[in-house]
């Protein structure tokens, strides 16, 4: 049974060929730096600071990160050059394909199904070394790094299996690969004429755990480690230049990300014949649940929760759930069908309904349960939400402890308001989706696109202006491109 052609995880209700945007009125007040100095801005962070978009680091993304937009706006108040470790790639690198590297994601229309969704643009390039002078860099954003890997030299190499911290996107511009660190390089830049810095780290200390369906607890940073590493990273920057001020961003809620919303809980379409066949396969399982409920081993509510029943139309998929009562000794697996409260991850879009291990009897989501790494259960969502709340508390406390030199940029609040439809510019909204023209996330479902980065840059500008009496002009988000229309 093959269901690939029936699974449509994104529906674009309409395609807009052109858009007219209303530009905001220009600032009337004279631009001023206030009590801060923006002569040389240093930006430290992960993929968000680097401008990673559409599943790749490529030229357009790099050129439109919030850090670059902020630096461009700061030129009006004395800001200088802002040098980025150029990737020099139009398409970047998304993944390896049968014929070599594949580039960034673009929206495409499947000629067989008519469904519109992300797919690689075609050929891409493996990231090469930065050819400029690393001592002149301003942007130290490295996709994929955590607080730990920002602090340790192994991030720059060597590239061996025994070094899981290795990150090619840092090695390519590290001052001394295998010896230097991201934080050390940024601190050196601050000491060498830096006057202001932005800091946005910590997202990956929880994001990797979440995007993997909360299936690998070993990669979730503990509260103690997060607090200690945050203090070490911020402390190194503050100590590098006693006069430099900084803006520190917090961690957005993962509930905002399309990565966790594009695949609906009932993404499995079945005909009546397919549903009848699948139900026959689960008749013994459902009967077994009734028996153990009769023995008092599970409640009637859990029996109903675990029961598998398909019908014609859209269905919840069969999935593993380790939070269920363990009945393996009685021959019953810990499985159930997905419910509205579950959140599937984006990779399930290409895995659901597929044959597993070349065995046509094993269909993922029907006769083979969807694995833990593809789904966040309500309990796992709550765990992640609590972790983000704790991490943001540590970030806020660190900023308050250095209140004379640091300001908090509440990106979490901004993106929550985006989800609620409360953010716009010139009458044009920003939405928590990948759908052009208003969608604010790039096609990987995790990273903002260029237009959303402009909103983030404006939030940095607002907080900096409020804190230090500056008047950095705000950017016009509608001058920045969102996602391209489908090809």
Protein backbone atom coordinates (compact mmCIF):
# COMPACT_ATOMS: atom_id res chain seq x y z
CA UNK A 1 0.00 0.00 0.00
CA UNK A 2 1.60 3.31 -1.06
CA UNK A 3 0.19 6.58 0.26
CA UNK A 4 2.92 9.03 -0.72
CA UNK A 5 0.90 10.63 -3.49
CA UNK A 6 -2.05 11.20 -1.15
CA UNK A 7 -0.20 12.97 1.63
CA UNK A 8 -0.38 16.74 1.26
CA UNK A 9 1.10 18.45 4.26
CA UNK A 10 0.96 22.03 2.97
CA UNK A 11 -1.94 23.75 1.27
CA UNK A 12 -1.37 27.15 -0.30
CA UNK A 13 -4.84 28.59 -0.66
CA UNK A 14 -3.77 31.18 -3.19
CA UNK A 15 -0.76 32.51 -5.02
CA UNK A 16 -0.14 36.24 -5.17
CA UNK A 17 1.87 37.36 -8.17
CA UNK A 18 2.68 40.83 -6.92
CA UNK A 19 2.24 42.88 -3.76
CA UNK A 20 2.12 46.57 -3.05
CA UNK A 21 3.41 47.54 0.35
CA UNK A 22 2.87 50.73 2.27
CA UNK A 23 6.12 52.14 3.62
CA UNK A 24 6.10 53.56 7.14
CA UNK A 25 6.60 57.27 7.67
CA UNK A 26 10.26 58.24 8.09
CA UNK A 27 11.65 59.13 11.50
CA UNK A 28 11.32 62.84 12.20
CA UNK A 29 13.88 63.07 14.98
CA UNK A 30 17.55 63.39 14.15
CA UNK A 31 19.36 60.03 14.41
CA UNK A 32 21.61 59.84 17.45
CA UNK A 33 23.61 57.14 19.22
CA UNK A 34 22.57 58.33 22.67
CA UNK A 35 24.89 57.00 25.37
CA UNK A 36 25.95 53.96 23.33
CA UNK A 37 28.66 53.64 20.68
CA UNK A 38 27.95 51.68 17.48
CA UNK A 39 31.26 52.30 15.72
CA UNK A 40 32.04 48.58 15.59
CA UNK A 41 29.19 46.15 16.30
CA UNK A 42 30.06 42.51 17.07
CA UNK A 43 27.29 39.90 16.76
CA UNK A 44 27.48 36.51 18.45
CA UNK A 45 24.97 33.73 17.91
CA UNK A 46 23.85 30.65 16.04
CA UNK A 47 21.98 30.19 12.76
CA UNK A 48 19.66 33.11 13.52
CA UNK A 49 22.58 35.52 13.68
CA UNK A 50 24.30 33.89 10.69
CA UNK A 51 21.25 34.32 8.45
CA UNK A 52 20.61 30.60 7.89
CA UNK A 53 17.38 30.28 5.88
CA UNK A 54 15.58 27.69 3.77
CA UNK A 55 17.65 24.88 5.26
CA UNK A 56 20.96 26.36 4.11
CA UNK A 57 23.51 29.10 4.62
CA UNK A 58 23.55 31.00 1.34
CA UNK A 59 24.22 34.51 0.08
CA UNK A 60 20.74 36.02 0.31
CA UNK A 61 20.21 34.67 3.79
CA UNK A 62 23.56 35.94 5.06
CA UNK A 63 22.94 39.37 3.59
CA UNK A 64 19.55 39.70 5.30
CA UNK A 65 20.11 38.49 8.86
CA UNK A 66 18.83 40.73 11.65
CA UNK A 67 22.47 41.42 12.56
CA UNK A 68 23.24 42.82 9.10
CA UNK A 69 19.99 44.84 9.02
CA UNK A 70 20.71 46.27 12.48
CA UNK A 71 24.24 47.25 11.46
CA UNK A 72 22.92 48.87 8.28
CA UNK A 73 20.48 50.97 10.27
CA UNK A 74 23.19 51.89 12.80
CA UNK A 75 25.24 53.54 10.07
CA UNK A 76 22.98 56.55 10.52
CA UNK A 77 24.35 56.98 14.06
CA UNK A 78 28.02 56.37 13.39
CA UNK A 79 28.08 52.61 12.80
CA UNK A 80 30.91 51.31 10.67
CA UNK A 81 31.45 48.37 8.36
CA UNK A 82 29.90 45.04 9.29
CA UNK A 83 31.92 42.18 7.85
CA UNK A 84 30.33 38.76 7.44
CA UNK A 85 32.22 35.49 6.72
CA UNK A 86 30.78 35.28 3.21
CA UNK A 87 29.69 31.82 2.11
CA UNK A 88 29.87 32.83 -1.59
CA UNK A 89 27.08 30.46 -2.61
CA UNK A 90 23.81 31.29 -4.33
CA UNK A 91 22.14 28.05 -3.26
CA UNK A 92 24.15 26.92 -0.23
CA UNK A 93 24.08 23.35 1.05
CA UNK A 94 20.91 21.61 2.24
CA UNK A 95 21.88 17.95 1.99
CA UNK A 96 23.70 15.42 -0.16
CA UNK A 97 21.75 14.04 -3.11
CA UNK A 98 22.41 11.11 -5.47
CA UNK A 99 24.41 13.37 -7.79
CA UNK A 100 26.11 15.51 -5.14
CA UNK A 101 25.26 18.50 -2.92
CA UNK A 102 21.70 19.84 -3.05
CA UNK A 103 20.98 23.50 -2.42
CA UNK A 104 18.47 25.46 -0.37
CA UNK A 105 14.75 24.77 -0.27
CA UNK A 106 12.27 26.43 -2.61
CA UNK A 107 8.52 26.05 -2.98
CA UNK A 108 7.65 23.62 -5.76
CA UNK A 109 4.43 22.14 -7.13
CA UNK A 110 4.38 18.36 -7.33
CA UNK A 111 3.35 17.53 -10.92
CA UNK A 112 1.73 14.26 -9.80
CA UNK A 113 -0.31 15.45 -6.82
CA UNK A 114 -0.56 19.21 -7.30
CA UNK A 115 0.63 19.68 -3.70
CA UNK A 116 2.89 22.64 -3.01
CA UNK A 117 5.78 22.22 -0.61
CA UNK A 118 9.50 22.73 -0.03
CA UNK A 119 12.08 20.86 -2.09
CA UNK A 120 15.77 21.48 -2.88
CA UNK A 121 16.33 24.03 -5.63
CA UNK A 122 18.82 21.75 -7.36
CA UNK A 123 22.58 21.71 -7.19
CA UNK A 124 24.24 23.33 -4.17
CA UNK A 125 27.78 23.75 -2.90
CA UNK A 126 29.64 22.42 0.10
CA UNK A 127 30.77 25.35 2.29
CA UNK A 128 34.26 26.53 1.49
CA UNK A 129 36.74 28.41 3.66
CA UNK A 130 36.30 32.13 4.23
CA UNK A 131 38.85 33.97 2.12
CA UNK A 132 38.85 37.29 3.98
CA UNK A 133 40.72 38.48 7.04
CA UNK A 134 39.14 36.84 10.09
CA UNK A 135 40.44 39.66 12.30
CA UNK A 136 38.07 42.06 10.52
CA UNK A 137 34.91 40.02 11.09
CA UNK A 138 31.87 41.42 12.88
CA UNK A 139 29.40 38.52 12.57
CA UNK A 140 30.22 35.43 14.62
CA UNK A 141 26.97 33.59 13.97
CA UNK A 142 27.51 29.83 13.55
CA UNK A 143 24.57 27.59 12.60
CA UNK A 144 24.05 24.67 14.93
CA UNK A 145 26.08 25.81 17.92
CA UNK A 146 24.94 25.57 21.53
CA UNK A 147 26.30 27.48 24.49
CA UNK A 148 28.72 24.63 25.08
CA UNK A 149 30.04 24.45 21.53
CA UNK A 150 30.43 28.23 21.46
CA UNK A 151 32.89 27.86 24.34
CA UNK A 152 35.03 24.86 23.38
CA UNK A 153 37.81 24.62 20.75
CA UNK A 154 36.68 21.23 19.44
CA UNK A 155 33.95 23.07 17.49
CA UNK A 156 36.63 24.14 15.01
CA UNK A 157 37.99 20.62 14.51
CA UNK A 158 39.33 18.12 13.99
CA UNK A 159 36.67 16.56 11.78
CA UNK A 160 36.78 13.04 13.20
CA UNK A 161 34.01 10.75 14.49
CA UNK A 162 35.37 11.10 18.01
CA UNK A 163 34.64 14.84 17.95
CA UNK A 164 30.86 15.35 17.86
CA UNK A 165 31.31 19.08 18.55
CA UNK A 166 32.94 19.69 15.15
CA UNK A 167 31.16 22.34 13.08
CA UNK A 168 32.31 23.00 9.52
CA UNK A 169 30.54 26.38 9.49
CA UNK A 170 32.78 27.56 12.33
CA UNK A 171 35.98 25.92 11.11
CA UNK A 172 35.72 27.80 7.81
CA UNK A 173 36.32 31.17 9.51
CA UNK A 174 37.81 30.25 12.89
CA UNK A 175 40.89 32.30 13.78
CA UNK A 176 42.72 29.09 14.69
CA UNK A 177 40.67 25.93 13.94
CA UNK A 178 40.88 23.39 16.74
CA UNK A 179 42.29 25.93 19.19
CA UNK A 180 40.10 29.05 19.02
CA UNK A 181 36.45 29.25 20.12
CA UNK A 182 33.45 31.19 18.83
CA UNK A 183 33.20 33.20 22.04
CA UNK A 184 36.96 33.71 22.14
CA UNK A 185 37.04 35.04 18.58
CA UNK A 186 34.11 37.38 19.28
CA UNK A 187 35.72 38.58 22.52
CA UNK A 188 38.95 39.28 20.64
CA UNK A 189 37.00 41.37 18.13
CA UNK A 190 35.42 43.34 20.98
CA UNK A 191 38.82 43.91 22.52
CA UNK A 192 40.11 45.06 19.13
CA UNK A 193 37.92 48.12 18.70
CA UNK A 194 34.49 46.61 19.30
CA UNK A 195 32.05 49.04 20.88
CA UNK A 196 28.69 47.21 20.98
CA UNK A 197 27.54 43.59 20.70
CA UNK A 198 24.46 41.49 20.14
CA UNK A 199 24.15 38.08 21.77
CA UNK A 200 21.62 35.42 20.78
CA UNK A 201 22.58 31.94 21.96
CA UNK A 202 20.69 29.20 23.80
CA UNK A 203 18.08 28.29 21.20
CA UNK A 204 19.93 25.15 20.14
CA UNK A 205 20.23 23.99 23.74
CA UNK A 206 16.59 22.97 23.44
CA UNK A 207 15.79 23.12 19.70
CA UNK A 208 17.71 19.99 18.72
CA UNK A 209 15.91 18.00 21.38
CA UNK A 210 12.55 19.28 20.17
CA UNK A 211 13.11 18.81 16.43
CA UNK A 212 14.12 15.22 17.17
CA UNK A 213 10.76 14.55 18.78
CA UNK A 214 12.23 14.70 22.30
CA UNK A 215 13.71 11.27 21.62
CA UNK A 216 17.27 11.96 22.80
CA UNK A 217 17.36 13.41 26.34
CA UNK A 218 21.18 13.42 26.27
CA UNK A 219 21.22 16.50 24.01
CA UNK A 220 18.91 18.60 26.20
CA UNK A 221 21.01 21.01 28.24
CA UNK A 222 20.44 20.90 31.99
CA UNK A 223 19.42 24.05 33.85
CA UNK A 224 22.71 24.10 35.77
CA UNK A 225 24.83 23.75 32.65
CA UNK A 226 22.83 26.37 30.78
CA UNK A 227 23.20 28.93 33.57
CA UNK A 228 26.92 28.30 33.94
CA UNK A 229 27.64 28.39 30.21
CA UNK A 230 25.54 31.50 29.69
CA UNK A 231 27.47 33.24 32.45
CA UNK A 232 30.80 32.19 30.96
CA UNK A 233 29.89 33.33 27.44
CA UNK A 234 28.42 36.68 28.43
CA UNK A 235 31.17 37.23 30.98
CA UNK A 236 33.87 36.75 28.34
CA UNK A 237 32.30 39.39 26.12
CA UNK A 238 31.73 41.89 28.92
CA UNK A 239 35.28 41.47 30.17
CA UNK A 240 36.81 41.82 26.70
CA UNK A 241 35.86 45.49 26.60
CA UNK A 242 34.70 47.17 29.79
CA UNK A 243 33.00 49.98 27.88
CA UNK A 244 31.05 47.95 25.32
CA UNK A 245 27.30 47.65 25.74
CA UNK A 246 25.15 44.82 24.42
CA UNK A 247 21.68 43.59 23.50
CA UNK A 248 20.75 40.02 24.49
CA UNK A 249 17.86 38.10 22.90
CA UNK A 250 15.89 35.28 24.51
CA UNK A 251 14.50 31.98 23.19
CA UNK A 252 11.20 31.90 21.28
CA UNK A 253 8.49 29.35 22.01
CA UNK A 254 8.80 26.38 19.69
CA UNK A 255 5.01 26.33 19.34
CA UNK A 256 5.42 29.26 16.94
CA UNK A 257 7.56 27.32 14.46
CA UNK A 258 5.89 25.89 11.32
CA UNK A 259 8.25 22.92 11.70
CA UNK A 260 5.80 21.69 14.34
CA UNK A 261 2.56 22.78 12.66
CA UNK A 262 2.85 21.97 8.94
CA UNK A 263 2.06 18.27 9.35
CA UNK A 264 -1.43 17.91 10.87
CA UNK A 265 -2.21 15.25 13.45
CA UNK A 266 -4.63 13.57 10.99
CA UNK A 267 -2.27 13.61 8.00
CA UNK A 268 -3.06 10.03 6.94
CA UNK A 269 -5.64 9.79 4.11
CA UNK A 270 -7.27 6.38 3.56
CA UNK A 271 -9.96 5.00 1.31
CA UNK A 272 -12.70 2.84 2.83
CA UNK A 273 -10.97 -0.28 1.53
CA UNK A 274 -7.64 0.77 3.02
CA UNK A 275 -9.29 1.60 6.35
CA UNK A 276 -11.08 -1.76 6.46
CA UNK A 277 -7.84 -3.63 5.75
CA UNK A 278 -5.94 -1.70 8.43
CA UNK A 279 -8.71 -2.26 10.99
CA UNK A 280 -8.51 -6.01 10.46
CA UNK A 281 -4.85 -5.86 11.39
CA UNK A 282 -5.64 -4.19 14.74
CA UNK A 283 -8.65 -6.31 15.74
CA UNK A 284 -6.55 -8.52 18.05
CA UNK A 285 -4.79 -5.49 19.55
CA UNK A 286 -8.08 -3.76 20.37
CA UNK A 287 -9.47 -6.98 21.87
CA UNK A 288 -6.35 -7.28 24.02
CA UNK A 289 -6.87 -3.76 25.35
CA UNK A 290 -10.42 -4.67 26.39
CA UNK A 291 -9.11 -7.73 28.23
CA UNK A 292 -6.46 -5.87 30.24
CA UNK A 293 -8.98 -3.17 31.06
CA UNK A 294 -11.25 -5.89 32.36
CA UNK A 295 -8.38 -7.05 34.59
CA UNK A 296 -8.05 -3.53 35.98
CA UNK A 297 -4.58 -2.98 34.49
CA UNK A 298 -5.67 0.11 32.57
CA UNK A 299 -8.63 2.44 32.92
CA UNK A 300 -11.51 2.66 30.48
CA UNK A 301 -10.18 6.08 29.46
CA UNK A 302 -6.76 4.64 28.59
CA UNK A 303 -8.32 1.80 26.67
CA UNK A 304 -10.22 4.28 24.53
CA UNK A 305 -7.13 6.49 24.18
CA UNK A 306 -5.06 3.55 22.89
CA UNK A 307 -7.67 1.98 20.63
CA UNK A 308 -6.77 2.03 16.90
CA UNK A 309 -9.67 2.62 14.51
CA UNK A 310 -9.36 3.89 10.94
CA UNK A 311 -12.04 5.33 8.68
CA UNK A 312 -12.35 6.65 5.14
CA UNK A 313 -10.82 10.13 4.91
CA UNK A 314 -8.18 11.77 7.09
CA UNK A 315 -6.88 9.71 10.02
CA UNK A 316 -4.56 9.96 12.94
CA UNK A 317 -1.47 7.83 12.41
CA UNK A 318 -0.36 4.97 14.65
CA UNK A 319 2.56 6.11 16.81
CA UNK A 320 4.73 5.01 19.69
CA UNK A 321 4.02 6.64 23.06
CA UNK A 322 6.30 5.66 25.92
CA UNK A 323 4.08 7.49 28.43
CA UNK A 324 1.42 4.78 28.11
CA UNK A 325 1.14 1.92 30.60
CA UNK A 326 3.71 -0.70 29.68
CA UNK A 327 1.81 -3.82 28.66
CA UNK A 328 4.64 -5.48 26.74
CA UNK A 329 4.62 -8.45 29.13
CA UNK A 330 1.12 -9.15 27.83
CA UNK A 331 2.16 -8.77 24.22
CA UNK A 332 0.62 -5.33 23.73
CA UNK A 333 2.81 -2.51 22.37
CA UNK A 334 2.77 1.06 23.73
CA UNK A 335 1.03 2.54 20.70
CA UNK A 336 -1.96 4.71 19.91
CA UNK A 337 -3.26 6.92 17.14
CA UNK A 338 -2.18 10.57 17.01
CA UNK A 339 -4.54 13.12 18.57
CA UNK A 340 -5.16 16.85 18.00
CA UNK A 341 -2.84 17.73 20.89
CA UNK A 342 0.15 15.96 19.30
CA UNK A 343 2.65 17.88 17.16
CA UNK A 344 4.30 16.06 14.29
CA UNK A 345 7.66 17.30 13.05
CA UNK A 346 8.22 18.36 9.45
CA UNK A 347 10.30 15.28 8.43
CA UNK A 348 7.22 13.11 8.96
CA UNK A 349 5.77 14.67 5.80
CA UNK A 350 8.08 12.54 3.67
CA UNK A 351 8.13 9.47 5.94
CA UNK A 352 4.43 8.93 6.64
CA UNK A 353 2.82 6.18 4.59
CA UNK A 354 6.16 4.88 3.36
CA UNK A 355 7.37 1.28 3.31
CA UNK A 356 9.80 0.52 6.13
CA UNK A 357 12.92 -1.63 5.63
CA UNK A 358 11.76 -2.60 2.11
CA UNK A 359 8.97 -4.69 3.64
CA UNK A 360 5.66 -3.90 1.88
CA UNK A 361 3.77 -5.18 4.93
CA UNK A 362 5.26 -2.41 7.07
CA UNK A 363 3.71 0.97 6.29
CA UNK A 364 4.77 3.82 8.58
CA UNK A 365 1.74 5.19 10.40
CA UNK A 366 -0.48 2.18 9.64
CA UNK A 367 1.09 -1.22 10.23
CA UNK A 368 4.35 0.28 11.52
CA UNK A 369 4.10 2.85 14.33
CA UNK A 370 5.58 6.30 13.70
CA UNK A 371 8.76 6.53 15.74
CA UNK A 372 9.32 8.84 18.71
CA UNK A 373 11.59 11.23 16.78
CA UNK A 374 8.72 12.29 14.51
CA UNK A 375 6.20 13.42 17.13
CA UNK A 376 5.98 15.58 20.24
CA UNK A 377 3.36 14.32 22.68
CA UNK A 378 1.57 16.80 24.98
CA UNK A 379 3.84 15.73 27.85
CA UNK A 380 6.95 16.38 25.77
CA UNK A 381 5.62 19.73 24.62
CA UNK A 382 5.10 20.75 28.24
CA UNK A 383 8.62 19.62 29.13
CA UNK A 384 10.08 21.73 26.32
CA UNK A 385 7.95 24.74 27.19
CA UNK A 386 9.07 24.53 30.82
CA UNK A 387 12.70 24.27 29.74
CA UNK A 388 12.43 27.38 27.55
CA UNK A 389 10.79 29.27 30.41
CA UNK A 390 13.67 28.29 32.70
CA UNK A 391 16.34 29.21 30.14
CA UNK A 392 14.70 32.57 29.48
CA UNK A 393 14.66 33.17 33.22
CA UNK A 394 18.43 32.67 33.31
CA UNK A 395 18.88 35.01 30.33
CA UNK A 396 16.76 37.69 31.97
CA UNK A 397 18.65 37.33 35.26
CA UNK A 398 22.01 37.63 33.49
CA UNK A 399 20.88 40.81 31.75
CA UNK A 400 19.54 42.29 34.98
CA UNK A 401 22.80 41.49 36.77
CA UNK A 402 24.55 43.70 34.20
CA UNK A 403 21.73 46.17 33.76
CA UNK A 404 24.06 49.13 33.18
CA UNK A 405 25.57 47.50 30.08
CA UNK A 406 22.96 45.05 28.77
CA UNK A 407 19.38 45.19 27.52
CA UNK A 408 16.98 42.28 27.00
CA UNK A 409 15.39 41.82 23.57
CA UNK A 410 12.22 39.77 24.06
CA UNK A 411 12.02 37.92 20.74
CA UNK A 412 9.87 35.29 22.45
CA UNK A 413 7.15 37.88 22.96
CA UNK A 414 7.51 39.19 19.40
CA UNK A 415 7.01 35.77 17.79
CA UNK A 416 4.15 34.93 20.15
CA UNK A 417 2.44 38.08 18.92
CA UNK A 418 3.17 37.01 15.34
CA UNK A 419 1.34 33.75 16.06
CA UNK A 420 -1.62 35.78 17.35
CA UNK A 421 -1.70 37.97 14.22
CA UNK A 422 -0.66 41.12 16.09
CA UNK A 423 2.46 42.10 14.11
CA UNK A 424 2.44 44.10 10.88
CA UNK A 425 4.19 46.89 9.03
CA UNK A 426 2.47 49.40 6.81
CA UNK A 427 -0.75 47.44 7.05
CA UNK A 428 0.89 44.19 5.90
CA UNK A 429 0.91 41.43 8.51
CA UNK A 430 3.58 38.92 9.47
CA UNK A 431 2.32 35.38 9.95
CA UNK A 432 3.79 32.29 11.61
CA UNK A 433 3.84 30.32 8.37
CA UNK A 434 5.93 29.68 5.26
CA UNK A 435 3.19 30.81 2.87
CA UNK A 436 4.10 33.87 0.79
CA UNK A 437 3.76 36.79 0.86
CA UNK A 438 3.15 37.28 4.61
CA UNK A 439 4.73 34.09 5.98
CA UNK A 440 7.60 35.00 8.28
CA UNK A 441 9.45 31.69 8.34
CA UNK A 442 11.76 30.35 5.68
CA UNK A 443 11.00 27.02 4.06
CA UNK A 444 12.76 24.90 6.66
CA UNK A 445 9.99 25.86 9.08
CA UNK A 446 12.44 26.94 11.80
CA UNK A 447 14.40 30.01 10.68
CA UNK A 448 12.88 33.42 9.92
CA UNK A 449 13.04 34.72 6.36
CA UNK A 450 14.50 38.10 5.41
CA UNK A 451 11.29 40.04 6.03
CA UNK A 452 10.88 38.56 9.51
CA UNK A 453 14.55 39.31 10.24
CA UNK A 454 13.74 42.98 9.62
CA UNK A 455 11.04 42.84 12.31
CA UNK A 456 13.55 41.23 14.67
CA UNK A 457 16.13 43.92 13.85
CA UNK A 458 13.52 46.59 14.63
CA UNK A 459 12.86 44.98 18.01
CA UNK A 460 16.59 45.20 18.76
CA UNK A 461 16.54 48.83 17.62
CA UNK A 462 13.52 49.68 19.79
CA UNK A 463 15.06 48.22 22.91
CA UNK A 464 18.45 49.82 22.26
CA UNK A 465 16.85 53.20 21.62
CA UNK A 466 14.79 52.96 24.81
CA UNK A 467 17.72 51.84 26.93
CA UNK A 468 20.37 54.30 25.87
CA UNK A 469 18.41 57.25 24.51
CA UNK A 470 19.47 56.52 20.95
CA UNK A 471 17.48 57.13 17.80
CA UNK A 472 18.59 54.47 15.37
CA UNK A 473 16.14 54.58 12.43
CA UNK A 474 13.93 51.51 12.13
CA UNK A 475 14.11 49.35 9.01
CA UNK A 476 11.15 48.97 6.66
CA UNK A 477 10.29 45.24 6.78
CA UNK A 478 8.31 45.49 3.57
CA UNK A 479 11.50 46.35 1.71
CA UNK A 480 12.82 42.86 2.49
CA UNK A 481 11.82 39.80 0.53
CA UNK A 482 9.80 37.02 2.14
CA UNK A 483 9.53 33.56 0.61
CA UNK A 484 9.59 33.21 -3.15
CA UNK A 485 6.45 32.12 -4.95
CA UNK A 486 6.19 28.44 -6.00
CA UNK A 487 8.16 27.37 -9.05
